[in-house]
Amino acid sequence: MPKVSIAGKREDVEGLDVRVVQTNRVSKTHRGGKTASWSVLVVVGDGKGHVGAGLGKALGIPDAIRKGEEAAKKAMIEVPMVENTIPHAVIGELGATKVLLRPATPGTGVVAGGVVRAILECAGVRDVLAKTLGSRNAVNSAWATMKALSSLVSPKEQAAKRGFKLKQIAPWFVKDEEEEKEQTVEVQPPSAEVREEVSAETESETPIREESLETEKMSEMPETIKETEAMPETTEESPVVATTLEEGEDES
C-alpha cells in the first residue's frame, strides 16, 4: 500500500510539540469487499527531556492522528541529558533495525534524519550524532530510537549504582557543574553595618582630601603668584613716600 509522509508540526493545548511523522494507508479484505483504513505514526515531546511515540489506526486520518497522539502521550519517557546532548553512546535494536546515538560537542546540531530526527528534536536534544543501520522502516526506527533513549543513564545514577563518587565516574560532568555554579552566583548587596562603616570612612576622609587638594594647587602655582598672594595688602601710604613729600614742600 502507498505510504504518505506528512511533515506536520503543531502545538497542542498543553504546549507539547506534536509531529505526524508518517501515514500509511492499509486495507483489509472481507467477504463482501475491502475496507480501507489509515495508520499514523505520531511523535510528542515538550523539548525539555520528555518524548513519546505512538501509532494510531482508524478509518479516517483525523481519528488516526488523535489516537496516535493519545498513545504517544501515554508512552512518554524522560531522557537524561548533559547540557544539550546525551550522556553517552547507545544502540537501540528492534527487529532488523539498529539506531546508533552518540553525544556531540556544542554547535554540532542534530545529525539524523527521518523519524530519528523528529524524536530527538521533540526530546530537546540539540547536539547528537545518529545513524540508522539495517532496515529503515519508519515504525521500527521509531521504536528502536525510543528503546535507545530509554536505556540512557545519567552520570549521577551510574555513580550511585556502582558505589563510586561522581568525580571518579565523570570528572568532566563535575567540572561543568562547578562552572555553572560560578556563573550563577548572585552578588549580594552589602549589609547595613557595612554601609555605615563605609559612610563613616568617607566622612572622615573628606577634610583630609580637601587639604591635600589645596596643597597640590599651591605646589602647581608659579612662584611669582605665590609671592603676591603671600604679601599683605597695604592701604595706608608708606612713611618713605610721606617724608619725601614734606621735604619738597619746605624747599619750595
C-alpha atoms as a PDB file:
ATOM      1  CA  MET A   1       0.000   0.000   0.000  1.00  0.00           C
ATOM      2  CA  PRO A   2       1.235   3.562  -0.661  1.00  0.00           C
ATOM      3  CA  LYS A   3       2.834   5.412   2.249  1.00  0.00           C
ATOM      4  CA  VAL A   4       2.420   9.143   2.724  1.00  0.00           C
ATOM      5  CA  SER A   5       4.860  11.131   4.851  1.00  0.00           C
ATOM      6  CA  ILE A   6       3.421  14.259   6.450  1.00  0.00           C
ATOM      7  CA  ALA A   7       5.774  16.810   7.962  1.00  0.00           C
ATOM      8  CA  GLY A   8       3.003  18.041  10.228  1.00  0.00           C
ATOM      9  CA  LYS A   9       4.139  20.044  13.240  1.00  0.00           C
ATOM     10  CA  ARG A  10       1.915  21.777  15.742  1.00  0.00           C
ATOM     11  CA  GLU A  11       1.472  22.505  19.452  1.00  0.00           C
ATOM     12  CA  ASP A  12      -1.437  21.215  21.465  1.00  0.00           C
ATOM     13  CA  VAL A  13      -3.176  22.823  24.423  1.00  0.00           C
ATOM     14  CA  GLU A  14      -0.561  21.513  26.869  1.00  0.00           C
ATOM     15  CA  GLY A  15       2.273  23.152  24.919  1.00  0.00           C
ATOM     16  CA  LEU A  16       3.659  19.866  23.585  1.00  0.00           C
ATOM     17  CA  ASP A  17       5.282  19.555  20.182  1.00  0.00           C
ATOM     18  CA  VAL A  18       3.132  17.123  18.150  1.00  0.00           C
ATOM     19  CA  ARG A  19       4.529  15.800  14.866  1.00  0.00           C
ATOM     20  CA  VAL A  20       2.895  13.441  12.391  1.00  0.00           C
ATOM     21  CA  VAL A  21       5.869  11.515  11.063  1.00  0.00           C
ATOM     22  CA  GLN A  22       4.224   9.013   8.696  1.00  0.00           C
ATOM     23  CA  THR A  23       0.806   7.956   7.454  1.00  0.00           C
ATOM     24  CA  ASN A  24       0.194   4.572   5.907  1.00  0.00           C
ATOM     25  CA  ARG A  25      -2.976   3.583   4.053  1.00  0.00           C
ATOM     26  CA  VAL A  26      -3.936  -0.056   4.633  1.00  0.00           C
ATOM     27  CA  SER A  27      -6.924  -2.131   3.566  1.00  0.00           C
ATOM     28  CA  LYS A  28      -8.495  -5.274   4.892  1.00  0.00           C
ATOM     29  CA  THR A  29     -10.241  -7.716   2.593  1.00  0.00           C
ATOM     30  CA  HIS A  30     -13.588  -9.006   3.790  1.00  0.00           C
ATOM     31  CA  ARG A  31     -16.066 -11.383   2.245  1.00  0.00           C
ATOM     32  CA  GLY A  32     -18.012  -8.541   0.748  1.00  0.00           C
ATOM     33  CA  GLY A  33     -15.053  -6.372  -0.310  1.00  0.00           C
ATOM     34  CA  LYS A  34     -12.154  -4.267   1.019  1.00  0.00           C
ATOM     35  CA  THR A  35     -12.200  -1.838   3.944  1.00  0.00           C
ATOM     36  CA  ALA A  36      -9.607   0.957   3.779  1.00  0.00           C
ATOM     37  CA  SER A  37      -8.097   2.455   6.951  1.00  0.00           C
ATOM     38  CA  TRP A  38      -5.163   4.626   7.977  1.00  0.00           C
ATOM     39  CA  SER A  39      -2.171   4.023  10.246  1.00  0.00           C
ATOM     40  CA  VAL A  40      -0.425   7.161  11.547  1.00  0.00           C
ATOM     41  CA  LEU A  41       2.857   7.454  13.468  1.00  0.00           C
ATOM     42  CA  VAL A  42       2.880  10.441  15.848  1.00  0.00           C
ATOM     43  CA  VAL A  43       5.718  11.847  17.981  1.00  0.00           C
ATOM     44  CA  VAL A  44       5.049  14.069  21.020  1.00  0.00           C
ATOM     45  CA  GLY A  45       7.579  15.955  23.162  1.00  0.00           C
ATOM     46  CA  ASP A  46       7.999  19.033  25.341  1.00  0.00           C
ATOM     47  CA  GLY A  47      11.550  19.910  24.250  1.00  0.00           C
ATOM     48  CA  LYS A  48      12.775  19.564  27.863  1.00  0.00           C
ATOM     49  CA  GLY A  49      13.731  15.907  28.058  1.00  0.00           C
ATOM     50  CA  HIS A  50      10.338  14.201  27.651  1.00  0.00           C
ATOM     51  CA  VAL A  51       9.275  12.439  24.435  1.00  0.00           C
ATOM     52  CA  GLY A  52       6.915   9.708  23.292  1.00  0.00           C
ATOM     53  CA  ALA A  53       5.847   7.965  20.091  1.00  0.00           C
ATOM     54  CA  GLY A  54       2.537   6.319  19.289  1.00  0.00           C
ATOM     55  CA  LEU A  55       0.724   4.554  16.457  1.00  0.00           C
ATOM     56  CA  GLY A  56      -2.907   5.376  15.716  1.00  0.00           C
ATOM     57  CA  LYS A  57      -5.248   3.392  13.443  1.00  0.00           C
ATOM     58  CA  ALA A  58      -8.684   4.482  12.247  1.00  0.00           C
ATOM     59  CA  LEU A  59     -10.884   4.725   9.153  1.00  0.00           C
ATOM     60  CA  GLY A  60     -10.127   8.450   8.850  1.00  0.00           C
ATOM     61  CA  ILE A  61      -6.852  10.372   9.150  1.00  0.00           C
ATOM     62  CA  PRO A  62      -8.047  12.842  11.872  1.00  0.00           C
ATOM     63  CA  ASP A  63      -9.160   9.999  14.137  1.00  0.00           C
ATOM     64  CA  ALA A  64      -5.927   8.136  13.495  1.00  0.00           C
ATOM     65  CA  ILE A  65      -3.865  11.229  14.407  1.00  0.00           C
ATOM     66  CA  ARG A  66      -5.866  11.733  17.597  1.00  0.00           C
ATOM     67  CA  LYS A  67      -5.384   8.098  18.628  1.00  0.00           C
ATOM     68  CA  GLY A  68      -1.670   8.246  17.820  1.00  0.00           C
ATOM     69  CA  GLU A  69      -1.276  11.440  19.859  1.00  0.00           C
ATOM     70  CA  GLU A  70      -3.010   9.876  22.869  1.00  0.00           C
ATOM     71  CA  ALA A  71      -0.851   6.751  22.607  1.00  0.00           C
ATOM     72  CA  ALA A  72       2.323   8.870  22.365  1.00  0.00           C
ATOM     73  CA  LYS A  73       1.407  10.906  25.477  1.00  0.00           C
ATOM     74  CA  LYS A  74       0.846   7.716  27.452  1.00  0.00           C
ATOM     75  CA  ALA A  75       4.208   6.296  26.332  1.00  0.00           C
ATOM     76  CA  MET A  76       6.299   9.409  27.135  1.00  0.00           C
ATOM     77  CA  ILE A  77       9.692   8.789  28.747  1.00  0.00           C
ATOM     78  CA  GLU A  78      12.292  11.023  30.386  1.00  0.00           C
ATOM     79  CA  VAL A  79      15.595  11.410  28.528  1.00  0.00           C
ATOM     80  CA  PRO A  80      18.674  12.171  30.696  1.00  0.00           C
ATOM     81  CA  MET A  81      20.740  14.927  29.103  1.00  0.00           C
ATOM     82  CA  VAL A  82      24.026  16.710  29.760  1.00  0.00           C
ATOM     83  CA  GLU A  83      23.513  20.296  28.594  1.00  0.00           C
ATOM     84  CA  ASN A  84      22.120  19.777  25.063  1.00  0.00           C
ATOM     85  CA  THR A  85      23.393  16.276  24.296  1.00  0.00           C
ATOM     86  CA  ILE A  86      23.088  12.716  25.620  1.00  0.00           C
ATOM     87  CA  PRO A  87      25.439  11.463  28.371  1.00  0.00           C
ATOM     88  CA  HIS A  88      26.926   8.502  26.469  1.00  0.00           C
ATOM     89  CA  ALA A  89      26.713   6.468  23.255  1.00  0.00           C
ATOM     90  CA  VAL A  90      23.939   3.896  22.965  1.00  0.00           C
ATOM     91  CA  ILE A  91      22.455   1.461  20.424  1.00  0.00           C
ATOM     92  CA  GLY A  92      18.766   0.602  20.178  1.00  0.00           C
ATOM     93  CA  GLU A  93      17.677  -2.545  18.337  1.00  0.00           C
ATOM     94  CA  LEU A  94      14.300  -3.760  17.165  1.00  0.00           C
ATOM     95  CA  GLY A  95      13.997  -6.483  14.589  1.00  0.00           C
ATOM     96  CA  ALA A  96      16.359  -5.777  11.722  1.00  0.00           C
ATOM     97  CA  THR A  97      16.744  -2.100  12.669  1.00  0.00           C
ATOM     98  CA  LYS A  98      19.601  -0.651  14.710  1.00  0.00           C
ATOM     99  CA  VAL A  99      19.829   3.010  15.753  1.00  0.00           C
ATOM    100  CA  LEU A 100      23.185   4.328  16.969  1.00  0.00           C
ATOM    101  CA  LEU A 101      23.247   7.543  19.043  1.00  0.00           C
ATOM    102  CA  ARG A 102      26.419   9.343  20.090  1.00  0.00           C
ATOM    103  CA  PRO A 103      26.952  12.568  22.073  1.00  0.00           C
ATOM    104  CA  ALA A 104      28.320  15.556  20.189  1.00  0.00           C
ATOM    105  CA  THR A 105      30.072  18.823  21.015  1.00  0.00           C
ATOM    106  CA  PRO A 106      28.072  22.069  21.282  1.00  0.00           C
ATOM    107  CA  GLY A 107      27.170  23.509  17.897  1.00  0.00           C
ATOM    108  CA  THR A 108      27.058  20.180  16.062  1.00  0.00           C
ATOM    109  CA  GLY A 109      23.283  20.056  15.758  1.00  0.00           C
ATOM    110  CA  VAL A 110      21.062  17.036  15.226  1.00  0.00           C
ATOM    111  CA  VAL A 111      22.810  14.875  12.628  1.00  0.00           C
ATOM    112  CA  ALA A 112      19.949  12.498  11.888  1.00  0.00           C
ATOM    113  CA  GLY A 113      17.079  12.055   9.501  1.00  0.00           C
ATOM    114  CA  GLY A 114      13.522  10.861   9.288  1.00  0.00           C
ATOM    115  CA  VAL A 115      11.847   9.550  12.393  1.00  0.00           C
ATOM    116  CA  VAL A 116      15.037   9.616  14.479  1.00  0.00           C
ATOM    117  CA  ARG A 117      15.435  13.348  13.912  1.00  0.00           C
ATOM    118  CA  ALA A 118      11.826  14.087  14.846  1.00  0.00           C
ATOM    119  CA  ILE A 119      12.109  12.139  18.115  1.00  0.00           C
ATOM    120  CA  LEU A 120      15.408  13.772  19.118  1.00  0.00           C
ATOM    121  CA  GLU A 121      14.155  17.286  18.373  1.00  0.00           C
ATOM    122  CA  CYS A 122      10.933  16.721  20.332  1.00  0.00           C
ATOM    123  CA  ALA A 123      13.010  15.452  23.261  1.00  0.00           C
ATOM    124  CA  GLY A 124      15.054  18.662  23.303  1.00  0.00           C
ATOM    125  CA  VAL A 125      18.385  17.164  22.228  1.00  0.00           C
ATOM    126  CA  ARG A 126      20.283  19.803  20.242  1.00  0.00           C
ATOM    127  CA  ASP A 127      23.694  18.173  19.639  1.00  0.00           C
ATOM    128  CA  VAL A 128      23.810  14.478  18.734  1.00  0.00           C
ATOM    129  CA  LEU A 129      25.092  12.097  16.069  1.00  0.00           C
ATOM    130  CA  ALA A 130      22.696   9.370  14.902  1.00  0.00           C
ATOM    131  CA  LYS A 131      22.911   6.569  12.366  1.00  0.00           C
ATOM    132  CA  THR A 132      20.284   4.015  11.321  1.00  0.00           C
ATOM    133  CA  LEU A 133      21.717   0.594  10.488  1.00  0.00           C
ATOM    134  CA  GLY A 134      19.880  -2.255   8.806  1.00  0.00           C
ATOM    135  CA  SER A 135      16.213  -1.811   7.978  1.00  0.00           C
ATOM    136  CA  ARG A 136      14.971   1.780   7.669  1.00  0.00           C
ATOM    137  CA  ASN A 137      11.328   1.073   8.318  1.00  0.00           C
ATOM    138  CA  ALA A 138       9.814   4.162   9.993  1.00  0.00           C
ATOM    139  CA  VAL A 139       7.915   2.318  12.711  1.00  0.00           C
ATOM    140  CA  ASN A 140      10.849   0.053  13.616  1.00  0.00           C
ATOM    141  CA  SER A 141      13.218   3.066  13.596  1.00  0.00           C
ATOM    142  CA  ALA A 142      10.894   4.931  15.970  1.00  0.00           C
ATOM    143  CA  TRP A 143      10.678   2.049  18.435  1.00  0.00           C
ATOM    144  CA  ALA A 144      14.450   1.434  18.235  1.00  0.00           C
ATOM    145  CA  THR A 145      15.145   5.129  18.936  1.00  0.00           C
ATOM    146  CA  MET A 146      12.768   5.135  21.906  1.00  0.00           C
ATOM    147  CA  LYS A 147      14.436   1.987  23.204  1.00  0.00           C
ATOM    148  CA  ALA A 148      17.872   3.625  22.897  1.00  0.00           C
ATOM    149  CA  LEU A 149      16.752   6.787  24.710  1.00  0.00           C
ATOM    150  CA  SER A 150      15.115   4.787  27.499  1.00  0.00           C
ATOM    151  CA  SER A 151      18.366   2.887  28.095  1.00  0.00           C
ATOM    152  CA  LEU A 152      20.360   6.082  28.728  1.00  0.00           C
ATOM    153  CA  VAL A 153      21.686   6.553  32.282  1.00  0.00           C
ATOM    154  CA  SER A 154      22.760   9.863  33.809  1.00  0.00           C
ATOM    155  CA  PRO A 155      26.248  10.086  35.389  1.00  0.00           C
ATOM    156  CA  LYS A 156      24.763  10.603  38.862  1.00  0.00           C
ATOM    157  CA  GLU A 157      22.631   7.454  38.646  1.00  0.00           C
ATOM    158  CA  GLN A 158      25.570   5.416  37.347  1.00  0.00           C
ATOM    159  CA  ALA A 159      27.844   6.636  40.165  1.00  0.00           C
ATOM    160  CA  ALA A 160      25.229   5.803  42.817  1.00  0.00           C
ATOM    161  CA  LYS A 161      24.608   2.391  41.256  1.00  0.00           C
ATOM    162  CA  ARG A 162      28.280   1.446  41.201  1.00  0.00           C
ATOM    163  CA  GLY A 163      29.122   2.984  44.580  1.00  0.00           C
ATOM    164  CA  PHE A 164      31.652   5.490  43.253  1.00  0.00           C
ATOM    165  CA  LYS A 165      31.911   9.224  43.552  1.00  0.00           C
ATOM    166  CA  LEU A 166      30.661  11.301  40.649  1.00  0.00           C
ATOM    167  CA  LYS A 167      34.149  12.725  40.157  1.00  0.00           C
ATOM    168  CA  GLN A 168      35.534   9.227  39.559  1.00  0.00           C
ATOM    169  CA  ILE A 169      32.851   8.312  37.020  1.00  0.00           C
ATOM    170  CA  ALA A 170      32.574  11.593  35.099  1.00  0.00           C
ATOM    171  CA  PRO A 171      35.103  14.279  36.113  1.00  0.00           C
ATOM    172  CA  TRP A 172      34.044  16.450  33.169  1.00  0.00           C
ATOM    173  CA  PHE A 173      30.465  16.476  34.484  1.00  0.00           C
ATOM    174  CA  VAL A 174      31.582  17.751  37.903  1.00  0.00           C
ATOM    175  CA  LYS A 175      33.686  20.435  36.238  1.00  0.00           C
ATOM    176  CA  ASP A 176      30.729  21.630  34.162  1.00  0.00           C
ATOM    177  CA  GLU A 177      28.516  21.804  37.263  1.00  0.00           C
ATOM    178  CA  GLU A 178      31.122  23.864  39.144  1.00  0.00           C
ATOM    179  CA  GLU A 179      31.428  26.294  36.243  1.00  0.00           C
ATOM    180  CA  GLU A 180      27.662  26.687  36.095  1.00  0.00           C
ATOM    181  CA  LYS A 181      27.531  27.402  39.843  1.00  0.00           C
ATOM    182  CA  GLU A 182      30.247  30.058  39.498  1.00  0.00           C
ATOM    183  CA  GLN A 183      28.363  31.716  36.674  1.00  0.00           C
ATOM    184  CA  THR A 184      25.040  31.679  38.518  1.00  0.00           C
ATOM    185  CA  VAL A 185      26.383  33.049  41.838  1.00  0.00           C
ATOM    186  CA  GLU A 186      24.396  36.157  42.672  1.00  0.00           C
ATOM    187  CA  VAL A 187      26.155  39.214  44.090  1.00  0.00           C
ATOM    188  CA  GLN A 188      24.502  40.009  47.414  1.00  0.00           C
ATOM    189  CA  PRO A 189      24.076  43.683  48.358  1.00  0.00           C
ATOM    190  CA  PRO A 190      26.147  44.938  51.327  1.00  0.00           C
ATOM    191  CA  SER A 191      24.526  44.824  54.745  1.00  0.00           C
ATOM    192  CA  ALA A 192      23.509  47.873  56.783  1.00  0.00           C
ATOM    193  CA  GLU A 193      26.585  47.608  59.039  1.00  0.00           C
ATOM    194  CA  VAL A 194      28.934  47.628  56.076  1.00  0.00           C
ATOM    195  CA  ARG A 195      27.154  50.647  54.620  1.00  0.00           C
ATOM    196  CA  GLU A 196      27.513  52.571  57.899  1.00  0.00           C
ATOM    197  CA  GLU A 197      31.241  51.771  58.108  1.00  0.00           C
ATOM    198  CA  VAL A 198      31.814  52.888  54.509  1.00  0.00           C
ATOM    199  CA  SER A 199      29.896  56.154  55.052  1.00  0.00           C
ATOM    200  CA  ALA A 200      31.873  56.888  58.272  1.00  0.00           C
ATOM    201  CA  GLU A 201      35.183  56.306  56.473  1.00  0.00           C
ATOM    202  CA  THR A 202      34.211  58.597  53.599  1.00  0.00           C
ATOM    203  CA  GLU A 203      33.155  61.377  56.007  1.00  0.00           C
ATOM    204  CA  SER A 204      36.463  61.169  57.902  1.00  0.00           C
ATOM    205  CA  GLU A 205      38.473  61.243  54.671  1.00  0.00           C
ATOM    206  CA  THR A 206      36.756  64.316  53.147  1.00  0.00           C
ATOM    207  CA  PRO A 207      38.617  67.083  55.137  1.00  0.00           C
ATOM    208  CA  ILE A 208      41.951  65.372  54.569  1.00  0.00           C
ATOM    209  CA  ARG A 209      41.243  65.221  50.867  1.00  0.00           C
ATOM    210  CA  GLU A 210      40.333  68.934  50.759  1.00  0.00           C
ATOM    211  CA  GLU A 211      43.622  69.888  52.479  1.00  0.00           C
ATOM    212  CA  SER A 212      45.626  67.700  50.123  1.00  0.00           C
ATOM    213  CA  LEU A 213      43.917  69.292  47.119  1.00  0.00           C
ATOM    214  CA  GLU A 214      44.798  72.794  48.378  1.00  0.00           C
ATOM    215  CA  THR A 215      48.461  71.858  48.885  1.00  0.00           C
ATOM    216  CA  GLU A 216      48.589  70.343  45.402  1.00  0.00           C
ATOM    217  CA  LYS A 217      47.145  73.547  43.891  1.00  0.00           C
ATOM    218  CA  MET A 218      49.704  75.682  45.742  1.00  0.00           C
ATOM    219  CA  SER A 219      52.560  73.480  44.558  1.00  0.00           C
ATOM    220  CA  GLU A 220      51.401  73.766  40.937  1.00  0.00           C
ATOM    221  CA  MET A 221      51.173  77.614  41.037  1.00  0.00           C
ATOM    222  CA  PRO A 222      54.257  79.662  39.857  1.00  0.00           C
ATOM    223  CA  GLU A 223      56.498  81.398  42.428  1.00  0.00           C
ATOM    224  CA  THR A 224      55.544  84.983  41.425  1.00  0.00           C
ATOM    225  CA  ILE A 225      51.863  84.322  42.082  1.00  0.00           C
ATOM    226  CA  LYS A 226      52.765  82.753  45.429  1.00  0.00           C
ATOM    227  CA  GLU A 227      54.730  85.857  46.490  1.00  0.00           C
ATOM    228  CA  THR A 228      51.935  88.223  45.519  1.00  0.00           C
ATOM    229  CA  GLU A 229      49.398  86.158  47.397  1.00  0.00           C
ATOM    230  CA  ALA A 230      51.697  85.949  50.435  1.00  0.00           C
ATOM    231  CA  MET A 231      52.284  89.773  50.620  1.00  0.00           C
ATOM    232  CA  PRO A 232      49.803  91.651  52.877  1.00  0.00           C
ATOM    233  CA  GLU A 233      47.617  94.319  51.348  1.00  0.00           C
ATOM    234  CA  THR A 234      48.621  97.876  52.469  1.00  0.00           C
ATOM    235  CA  THR A 235      46.017 100.587  52.176  1.00  0.00           C
ATOM    236  CA  GLU A 236      47.950 103.355  54.011  1.00  0.00           C
ATOM    237  CA  GLU A 237      50.806 105.331  52.380  1.00  0.00           C
ATOM    238  CA  SER A 238      54.308 104.220  53.264  1.00  0.00           C
ATOM    239  CA  PRO A 239      56.414 106.504  55.596  1.00  0.00           C
ATOM    240  CA  VAL A 240      59.185 106.910  52.985  1.00  0.00           C
ATOM    241  CA  VAL A 241      56.804 108.478  50.475  1.00  0.00           C
ATOM    242  CA  ALA A 242      55.411 110.817  53.172  1.00  0.00           C
ATOM    243  CA  THR A 243      58.894 112.171  54.182  1.00  0.00           C
ATOM    244  CA  THR A 244      59.854 112.896  50.583  1.00  0.00           C
ATOM    245  CA  LEU A 245      56.672 114.897  50.080  1.00  0.00           C
ATOM    246  CA  GLU A 246      57.366 117.032  53.225  1.00  0.00           C
ATOM    247  CA  GLU A 247      60.946 117.838  52.117  1.00  0.00           C
ATOM    248  CA  GLY A 248      59.690 119.023  48.759  1.00  0.00           C
ATOM    249  CA  GLU A 249      57.206 121.442  50.360  1.00  0.00           C
ATOM    250  CA  ASP A 250      59.920 123.015  52.643  1.00  0.00           C
ATOM    251  CA  GLU A 251      62.265 123.723  49.704  1.00  0.00           C
ATOM    252  CA  SER A 252      59.506 125.433  47.841  1.00  0.00           C
END
